[in-house]
Amino acid sequence: MKISGIVIFLFLIVGNSCEKEKSLLPLPLDESVELKKGNVKLNKEEGIRLIFDSLVEESRCPIGVECVWEGNAAAAFTCYNAQNIKTDFILNTNSSFVTDTLVFGYRIKLLDLKPYPIYNLEINPEDYTAYVEISRE
């Protein structure tokens, strides 16, 4: 009975670590990368991970409305380097604000944040996807 309990325990540990590895999606450099909220993307060669944490602001002028100002959407991200050092930052869609940043020697630029707001349509913050590009500086 003890041995079967140990085998089950080891199976659960191995299964969990495989599950974590599966949840790490590829993070290529120098191309547009889609990041759904909560996804973790990993560049194995460079050892960096990027996470789209949350929508911070959504004030873009909705489709179906005439606005004086185009507005802005802001997204919070976390980046880890190969030594597991963490940096948090916020990027914006409006070029009047910070749209890119330099982290651990990589330029991270927010290309887009979707879905774009539509008048009288409520969008769940969990449904947003960030499109970013990462390049080595």
C-alpha atoms as a PDB file:
ATOM      1  CA  MET A   1       0.000   0.000   0.000  1.00  0.00           C
ATOM      2  CA  LYS A   2       2.871   2.384   0.827  1.00  0.00           C
ATOM      3  CA  ILE A   3       4.524   1.746  -2.532  1.00  0.00           C
ATOM      4  CA  SER A   4       1.337   2.432  -4.522  1.00  0.00           C
ATOM      5  CA  GLY A   5       0.889   5.678  -2.554  1.00  0.00           C
ATOM      6  CA  ILE A   6       4.447   6.731  -3.401  1.00  0.00           C
ATOM      7  CA  VAL A   7       3.940   5.841  -7.076  1.00  0.00           C
ATOM      8  CA  ILE A   8       0.721   7.908  -7.193  1.00  0.00           C
ATOM      9  CA  PHE A   9       2.497  10.823  -5.471  1.00  0.00           C
ATOM     10  CA  LEU A  10       5.389  10.711  -7.970  1.00  0.00           C
ATOM     11  CA  PHE A  11       2.936  10.479 -10.871  1.00  0.00           C
ATOM     12  CA  LEU A  12       1.165  13.615  -9.620  1.00  0.00           C
ATOM     13  CA  ILE A  13       4.455  15.529  -9.288  1.00  0.00           C
ATOM     14  CA  VAL A  14       5.627  14.534 -12.773  1.00  0.00           C
ATOM     15  CA  GLY A  15       2.186  15.251 -14.215  1.00  0.00           C
ATOM     16  CA  ASN A  16       2.132  18.699 -12.620  1.00  0.00           C
ATOM     17  CA  SER A  17       5.575  19.637 -13.926  1.00  0.00           C
ATOM     18  CA  CYS A  18       4.586  18.470 -17.427  1.00  0.00           C
ATOM     19  CA  GLU A  19       1.411  20.535 -17.167  1.00  0.00           C
ATOM     20  CA  LYS A  20       3.457  23.629 -16.234  1.00  0.00           C
ATOM     21  CA  GLU A  21       5.789  23.030 -19.188  1.00  0.00           C
ATOM     22  CA  LYS A  22       2.775  22.756 -21.526  1.00  0.00           C
ATOM     23  CA  SER A  23       1.406  26.086 -20.300  1.00  0.00           C
ATOM     24  CA  LEU A  24       4.615  27.861 -21.371  1.00  0.00           C
ATOM     25  CA  LEU A  25       3.956  29.031 -24.916  1.00  0.00           C
ATOM     26  CA  PRO A  26       6.773  30.008 -27.335  1.00  0.00           C
ATOM     27  CA  LEU A  27       8.013  33.609 -27.297  1.00  0.00           C
ATOM     28  CA  PRO A  28       9.805  34.327 -30.585  1.00  0.00           C
ATOM     29  CA  LEU A  29      11.892  37.456 -31.065  1.00  0.00           C
ATOM     30  CA  ASP A  30      11.356  40.063 -33.794  1.00  0.00           C
ATOM     31  CA  GLU A  31       7.783  39.147 -34.686  1.00  0.00           C
ATOM     32  CA  SER A  32       4.278  39.884 -33.474  1.00  0.00           C
ATOM     33  CA  VAL A  33       3.340  37.704 -30.501  1.00  0.00           C
ATOM     34  CA  GLU A  34      -0.216  37.159 -29.267  1.00  0.00           C
ATOM     35  CA  LEU A  35      -0.544  37.145 -25.478  1.00  0.00           C
ATOM     36  CA  LYS A  36      -3.878  36.268 -23.936  1.00  0.00           C
ATOM     37  CA  LYS A  37      -4.433  37.469 -20.394  1.00  0.00           C
ATOM     38  CA  GLY A  38      -2.622  35.183 -17.970  1.00  0.00           C
ATOM     39  CA  ASN A  39      -0.626  33.294 -20.627  1.00  0.00           C
ATOM     40  CA  VAL A  40       3.062  32.757 -19.997  1.00  0.00           C
ATOM     41  CA  LYS A  41       5.307  32.882 -23.060  1.00  0.00           C
ATOM     42  CA  LEU A  42       8.902  31.617 -22.876  1.00  0.00           C
ATOM     43  CA  ASN A  43      11.875  32.119 -25.144  1.00  0.00           C
ATOM     44  CA  LYS A  44      13.980  29.067 -24.222  1.00  0.00           C
ATOM     45  CA  GLU A  45      17.129  30.270 -26.009  1.00  0.00           C
ATOM     46  CA  GLU A  46      17.106  33.650 -24.248  1.00  0.00           C
ATOM     47  CA  GLY A  47      15.570  32.439 -20.979  1.00  0.00           C
ATOM     48  CA  ILE A  48      12.956  35.213 -20.796  1.00  0.00           C
ATOM     49  CA  ARG A  49       9.280  34.844 -19.900  1.00  0.00           C
ATOM     50  CA  LEU A  50       6.535  37.370 -20.564  1.00  0.00           C
ATOM     51  CA  ILE A  51       3.061  37.486 -19.021  1.00  0.00           C
ATOM     52  CA  PHE A  52       0.113  39.731 -19.896  1.00  0.00           C
ATOM     53  CA  ASP A  53      -1.190  40.379 -16.374  1.00  0.00           C
ATOM     54  CA  SER A  54      -4.178  42.671 -16.786  1.00  0.00           C
ATOM     55  CA  LEU A  55      -5.972  45.443 -18.565  1.00  0.00           C
ATOM     56  CA  VAL A  56      -5.192  48.625 -16.621  1.00  0.00           C
ATOM     57  CA  GLU A  57      -7.200  51.127 -18.644  1.00  0.00           C
ATOM     58  CA  GLU A  58      -9.653  51.089 -21.523  1.00  0.00           C
ATOM     59  CA  SER A  59     -10.590  54.595 -22.645  1.00  0.00           C
ATOM     60  CA  ARG A  60     -10.270  54.223 -26.426  1.00  0.00           C
ATOM     61  CA  CYS A  61     -13.045  55.844 -28.416  1.00  0.00           C
ATOM     62  CA  PRO A  62     -15.553  53.038 -29.101  1.00  0.00           C
ATOM     63  CA  ILE A  63     -16.658  52.123 -32.597  1.00  0.00           C
ATOM     64  CA  GLY A  64     -19.984  53.862 -33.206  1.00  0.00           C
ATOM     65  CA  VAL A  65     -19.089  57.005 -31.234  1.00  0.00           C
ATOM     66  CA  GLU A  66     -17.539  60.251 -32.431  1.00  0.00           C
ATOM     67  CA  CYS A  67     -14.853  61.356 -29.972  1.00  0.00           C
ATOM     68  CA  VAL A  68     -12.650  64.414 -29.609  1.00  0.00           C
ATOM     69  CA  TRP A  69      -9.730  62.236 -28.445  1.00  0.00           C
ATOM     70  CA  GLU A  70      -8.742  58.742 -29.604  1.00  0.00           C
ATOM     71  CA  GLY A  71      -8.271  57.556 -26.011  1.00  0.00           C
ATOM     72  CA  ASN A  72      -5.901  54.941 -24.684  1.00  0.00           C
ATOM     73  CA  ALA A  73      -5.759  51.369 -23.513  1.00  0.00           C
ATOM     74  CA  ALA A  74      -3.057  50.268 -21.068  1.00  0.00           C
ATOM     75  CA  ALA A  75      -1.918  46.764 -20.211  1.00  0.00           C
ATOM     76  CA  ALA A  76       0.227  45.461 -17.340  1.00  0.00           C
ATOM     77  CA  PHE A  77       2.963  42.918 -18.034  1.00  0.00           C
ATOM     78  CA  THR A  78       5.542  40.943 -16.056  1.00  0.00           C
ATOM     79  CA  CYS A  79       8.856  39.851 -17.526  1.00  0.00           C
ATOM     80  CA  TYR A  80      11.347  37.408 -15.969  1.00  0.00           C
ATOM     81  CA  ASN A  81      14.928  36.986 -17.134  1.00  0.00           C
ATOM     82  CA  ALA A  82      16.994  33.776 -17.127  1.00  0.00           C
ATOM     83  CA  GLN A  83      17.986  34.410 -13.484  1.00  0.00           C
ATOM     84  CA  ASN A  84      14.261  34.625 -12.561  1.00  0.00           C
ATOM     85  CA  ILE A  85      14.493  38.359 -11.807  1.00  0.00           C
ATOM     86  CA  LYS A  86      11.111  39.985 -12.288  1.00  0.00           C
ATOM     87  CA  THR A  87      10.149  43.367 -13.760  1.00  0.00           C
ATOM     88  CA  ASP A  88       6.595  44.727 -13.969  1.00  0.00           C
ATOM     89  CA  PHE A  89       5.633  47.405 -16.490  1.00  0.00           C
ATOM     90  CA  ILE A  90       2.664  49.024 -18.239  1.00  0.00           C
ATOM     91  CA  LEU A  91       2.414  49.705 -21.975  1.00  0.00           C
ATOM     92  CA  ASN A  92      -0.129  51.863 -23.806  1.00  0.00           C
ATOM     93  CA  THR A  93      -1.806  51.861 -27.216  1.00  0.00           C
ATOM     94  CA  ASN A  94      -1.674  55.648 -27.574  1.00  0.00           C
ATOM     95  CA  SER A  95       1.700  56.947 -28.779  1.00  0.00           C
ATOM     96  CA  SER A  96       1.335  59.987 -26.474  1.00  0.00           C
ATOM     97  CA  PHE A  97       2.142  57.532 -23.664  1.00  0.00           C
ATOM     98  CA  VAL A  98       4.742  54.776 -23.196  1.00  0.00           C
ATOM     99  CA  THR A  99       4.176  52.130 -25.890  1.00  0.00           C
ATOM    100  CA  ASP A 100       7.460  50.268 -25.461  1.00  0.00           C
ATOM    101  CA  THR A 101      10.082  49.644 -22.816  1.00  0.00           C
ATOM    102  CA  LEU A 102      13.578  48.235 -22.415  1.00  0.00           C
ATOM    103  CA  VAL A 103      13.739  45.284 -20.019  1.00  0.00           C
ATOM    104  CA  PHE A 104      16.783  43.030 -19.441  1.00  0.00           C
ATOM    105  CA  GLY A 105      18.252  44.145 -22.787  1.00  0.00           C
ATOM    106  CA  TYR A 106      15.055  43.485 -24.764  1.00  0.00           C
ATOM    107  CA  ARG A 107      12.795  46.083 -26.370  1.00  0.00           C
ATOM    108  CA  ILE A 108       9.159  45.144 -25.704  1.00  0.00           C
ATOM    109  CA  LYS A 109       6.590  47.072 -27.756  1.00  0.00           C
ATOM    110  CA  LEU A 110       2.793  46.921 -27.495  1.00  0.00           C
ATOM    111  CA  LEU A 111       1.504  46.657 -31.064  1.00  0.00           C
ATOM    112  CA  ASP A 112      -2.206  46.305 -30.327  1.00  0.00           C
ATOM    113  CA  LEU A 113      -4.751  45.406 -27.682  1.00  0.00           C
ATOM    114  CA  LYS A 114      -7.916  43.600 -28.763  1.00  0.00           C
ATOM    115  CA  PRO A 115     -10.856  43.597 -28.803  1.00  0.00           C
ATOM    116  CA  TYR A 116     -11.363  47.223 -29.702  1.00  0.00           C
ATOM    117  CA  PRO A 117     -14.304  48.737 -27.781  1.00  0.00           C
ATOM    118  CA  ILE A 118     -17.705  48.971 -29.461  1.00  0.00           C
ATOM    119  CA  TYR A 119     -20.422  51.357 -28.297  1.00  0.00           C
ATOM    120  CA  ASN A 120     -22.936  49.692 -25.920  1.00  0.00           C
ATOM    121  CA  LEU A 121     -20.975  46.426 -25.824  1.00  0.00           C
ATOM    122  CA  GLU A 122     -19.395  45.457 -22.522  1.00  0.00           C
ATOM    123  CA  ILE A 123     -16.111  43.573 -22.850  1.00  0.00           C
ATOM    124  CA  ASN A 124     -14.892  41.365 -20.047  1.00  0.00           C
ATOM    125  CA  PRO A 125     -11.320  42.407 -19.086  1.00  0.00           C
ATOM    126  CA  GLU A 126     -10.395  38.699 -19.151  1.00  0.00           C
ATOM    127  CA  ASP A 127     -11.146  38.595 -22.900  1.00  0.00           C
ATOM    128  CA  TYR A 128      -8.359  40.970 -23.950  1.00  0.00           C
ATOM    129  CA  THR A 129      -5.368  39.891 -25.990  1.00  0.00           C
ATOM    130  CA  ALA A 130      -2.153  41.902 -26.231  1.00  0.00           C
ATOM    131  CA  TYR A 131       0.002  41.854 -29.349  1.00  0.00           C
ATOM    132  CA  VAL A 132       3.638  42.624 -28.625  1.00  0.00           C
ATOM    133  CA  GLU A 133       6.988  42.468 -30.360  1.00  0.00           C
ATOM    134  CA  ILE A 134      10.219  41.682 -28.533  1.00  0.00           C
ATOM    135  CA  SER A 135      13.656  42.371 -29.936  1.00  0.00           C
ATOM    136  CA  ARG A 136      17.168  42.223 -28.537  1.00  0.00           C
ATOM    137  CA  GLU A 137      18.764  45.662 -28.059  1.00  0.00           C
END
